[in-house]
Protein backbone atom coordinates (compact mmCIF):
# COMPACT_ATOMS: atom_id res chain seq x y z
CA UNK A 1 130.35 19.25 53.47
CA UNK A 2 126.57 18.84 53.34
CA UNK A 3 126.14 22.14 55.16
CA UNK A 4 128.21 23.96 52.54
CA UNK A 5 126.05 22.55 49.71
CA UNK A 6 122.89 23.61 51.53
CA UNK A 7 124.28 27.10 51.98
CA UNK A 8 125.21 27.29 48.30
CA UNK A 9 121.71 26.20 47.33
CA UNK A 10 120.21 28.76 49.69
CA UNK A 11 122.39 31.47 48.15
CA UNK A 12 121.29 30.41 44.64
CA UNK A 13 117.64 30.58 45.69
CA UNK A 14 118.16 33.97 47.31
CA UNK A 15 119.80 35.31 44.15
CA UNK A 16 116.92 34.00 42.07
CA UNK A 17 114.39 35.65 44.40
CA UNK A 18 116.34 38.91 44.30
CA UNK A 19 116.39 38.83 40.51
CA UNK A 20 112.64 38.17 40.37
CA UNK A 21 112.00 41.06 42.77
CA UNK A 22 114.17 43.39 40.70
CA UNK A 23 112.27 42.38 37.54
CA UNK A 24 108.93 43.00 39.24
CA UNK A 25 110.20 46.35 40.48
CA UNK A 26 111.18 47.36 36.94
CA UNK A 27 107.79 46.26 35.64
CA UNK A 28 106.02 48.30 38.32
CA UNK A 29 108.11 51.37 37.53
CA UNK A 30 107.21 51.05 33.84
CA UNK A 31 103.53 50.65 34.68
CA UNK A 32 103.68 53.67 36.98
CA UNK A 33 105.11 55.78 34.16
CA UNK A 34 102.48 54.46 31.76
CA UNK A 35 99.77 55.28 34.28
CA UNK A 36 101.06 58.86 34.60
CA UNK A 37 100.86 59.25 30.82
CA UNK A 38 97.32 57.86 30.76
CA UNK A 39 96.27 60.16 33.61
CA UNK A 40 97.58 63.15 31.66
CA UNK A 41 95.62 62.04 28.58
CA UNK A 42 92.47 61.66 30.67
CA UNK A 43 92.95 65.15 32.07
CA UNK A 44 93.35 66.56 28.55
CA UNK A 45 90.30 64.68 27.26
CA UNK A 46 88.23 65.79 30.25
CA UNK A 47 89.12 69.39 29.50
CA UNK A 48 88.17 68.95 25.84
CA UNK A 49 84.89 67.30 26.82
CA UNK A 50 84.14 70.19 29.17
CA UNK A 51 84.77 72.72 26.39
CA UNK A 52 82.51 70.76 24.01
CA UNK A 53 79.82 70.63 26.68
CA UNK A 54 80.06 74.39 27.21
CA UNK A 55 79.81 75.03 23.47
CA UNK A 56 76.78 72.72 23.22
CA UNK A 57 75.13 74.45 26.17
CA UNK A 58 75.79 77.86 24.63
CA UNK A 59 74.36 76.66 21.31
CA UNK A 60 71.24 75.38 23.06
CA UNK A 61 70.70 78.77 24.76
CA UNK A 62 71.09 80.58 21.43
CA UNK A 63 68.80 78.06 19.72
CA UNK A 64 66.09 78.51 22.37
CA UNK A 65 65.80 82.26 21.65
């Protein structure tokens, strides 16, 4: 009888661990999606910064004449 109780407790613990792992997995998936969005924003901002830099450089060349 004691063995059965130990097995039940082990099963409960395993289910709890599985649930925790599934929750962590969901959190990581959400963070991965968020990271992809942030990377896209960085790419867009980098492009905008490059265009601004090119405009400033062109203005400096025109201003030096």
